[in-house]
Amino acid sequence: MNTVKDYLDERHDKLDFYTKAITNAHGQNHPEVFDVRQEYVQLCLAARNGDNLDNNFAKLRKTTDNYAIPSDVCPVFEATYHMLASADSINQITALNK
């Protein structure tokens, strides 16, 4: 099973690009994406440091309303939330197996 760090590392280029792109494309109608971008950056730093990521994912769940996809967004927005939700799931599974 992949760790959260592995998952994020494998998708870093895509998620880094996507979290920036959705701020440009959807920031006006969905200002929470600016927080998502910052929380993603913090998540990556915490993962690299080997920190517990529970608080990072709790913030993302709150900011994204549990990764709810608004009806007026593009596929990149949707993919971003799906990847973040997958990373969150890996984190939760890892925590349960400890």
Protein backbone atom coordinates (compact mmCIF):
# COMPACT_ATOMS: atom_id res chain seq x y z
CA MET A 1 0.00 0.00 0.00
CA ASN A 2 1.22 3.47 -0.86
CA THR A 3 1.81 5.94 1.90
CA VAL A 4 0.31 9.41 1.69
CA LYS A 5 3.79 10.75 1.01
CA ASP A 6 4.23 8.30 -1.88
CA TYR A 7 0.81 9.20 -3.28
CA LEU A 8 1.51 12.92 -3.08
CA ASP A 9 5.03 12.54 -4.49
CA GLU A 10 3.73 10.55 -7.47
CA ARG A 11 1.14 13.23 -8.21
CA HIS A 12 3.11 16.30 -7.12
CA ASP A 13 3.56 17.89 -10.53
CA LYS A 14 -0.09 17.39 -11.45
CA LEU A 15 -1.51 18.52 -8.09
CA ASP A 16 0.83 21.50 -7.92
CA PHE A 17 -0.28 22.59 -11.38
CA TYR A 18 -3.96 21.81 -10.75
CA THR A 19 -4.20 23.62 -7.41
CA LYS A 20 -2.72 26.71 -9.07
CA ALA A 21 -4.93 26.36 -12.15
CA ILE A 22 -8.19 26.16 -10.21
CA THR A 23 -7.34 29.37 -8.35
CA ASN A 24 -7.06 31.12 -11.72
CA ALA A 25 -10.10 29.46 -13.29
CA HIS A 26 -12.48 29.34 -10.32
CA GLY A 27 -11.16 31.72 -7.67
CA GLN A 28 -13.74 34.38 -8.44
CA ASN A 29 -16.72 32.07 -7.92
CA HIS A 30 -15.07 29.68 -5.47
CA PRO A 31 -12.69 31.67 -3.25
CA GLU A 32 -12.09 28.58 -1.10
CA VAL A 33 -9.72 27.30 -3.79
CA PHE A 34 -7.11 29.80 -2.59
CA ASP A 35 -7.24 28.09 0.82
CA VAL A 36 -7.13 24.68 -0.87
CA ARG A 37 -3.93 25.73 -2.63
CA GLN A 38 -2.30 26.88 0.61
CA GLU A 39 -3.47 23.81 2.51
CA TYR A 40 -2.09 21.58 -0.25
CA VAL A 41 1.32 23.28 0.03
CA GLN A 42 1.26 22.82 3.81
CA LEU A 43 0.21 19.19 3.40
CA CYS A 44 3.17 18.50 1.13
CA LEU A 45 5.60 20.10 3.57
CA ALA A 46 4.15 18.14 6.47
CA ALA A 47 4.28 14.88 4.47
CA ARG A 48 7.93 15.46 3.57
CA ASN A 49 8.73 16.12 7.22
CA GLY A 50 7.00 12.91 8.27
CA ASP A 51 4.47 14.84 10.36
CA ASN A 52 1.06 13.55 11.37
CA LEU A 53 -1.28 14.72 8.61
CA ASP A 54 -4.61 14.40 10.41
CA ASN A 55 -4.95 18.15 11.03
CA ASN A 56 -3.97 18.98 7.44
CA PHE A 57 -6.68 16.72 6.07
CA ALA A 58 -9.21 17.99 8.62
CA LYS A 59 -8.63 21.52 7.29
CA LEU A 60 -8.99 20.33 3.69
CA ARG A 61 -12.23 18.50 4.50
CA LYS A 62 -13.62 21.63 6.13
CA THR A 63 -12.49 23.94 3.33
CA THR A 64 -13.81 21.67 0.58
CA ASP A 65 -16.98 20.62 2.41
CA ASN A 66 -15.69 17.03 2.40
CA TYR A 67 -14.40 17.34 -1.17
CA ALA A 68 -17.82 18.25 -2.55
CA ILE A 69 -17.61 19.11 -6.25
CA PRO A 70 -19.54 22.28 -7.16
CA SER A 71 -21.79 21.91 -10.21
CA ASP A 72 -20.14 24.76 -12.16
CA VAL A 73 -16.52 23.63 -12.27
CA CYS A 74 -14.19 22.08 -14.82
CA PRO A 75 -12.75 18.56 -14.90
CA VAL A 76 -9.42 19.83 -13.48
CA PHE A 77 -11.22 21.10 -10.37
CA GLU A 78 -13.00 17.78 -10.03
CA ALA A 79 -9.75 15.82 -10.49
CA THR A 80 -8.00 17.97 -7.89
CA TYR A 81 -10.62 17.24 -5.25
CA HIS A 82 -10.66 13.53 -6.15
CA MET A 83 -6.87 13.28 -5.75
CA LEU A 84 -6.94 15.14 -2.44
CA ALA A 85 -9.79 12.93 -1.21
CA SER A 86 -7.81 9.83 -2.23
CA ALA A 87 -4.79 11.05 -0.28
CA ASP A 88 -7.07 11.68 2.71
CA SER A 89 -8.44 8.13 2.43
CA ILE A 90 -4.92 6.69 2.37
CA ASN A 91 -4.11 8.71 5.48
CA GLN A 92 -7.21 7.41 7.27
CA ILE A 93 -6.49 3.80 6.31
CA THR A 94 -2.88 4.16 7.44
CA ALA A 95 -4.05 5.54 10.78
CA LEU A 96 -6.45 2.62 11.28
CA ASN A 97 -3.69 0.10 10.57
CA LYS A 98 -1.33 1.52 13.17
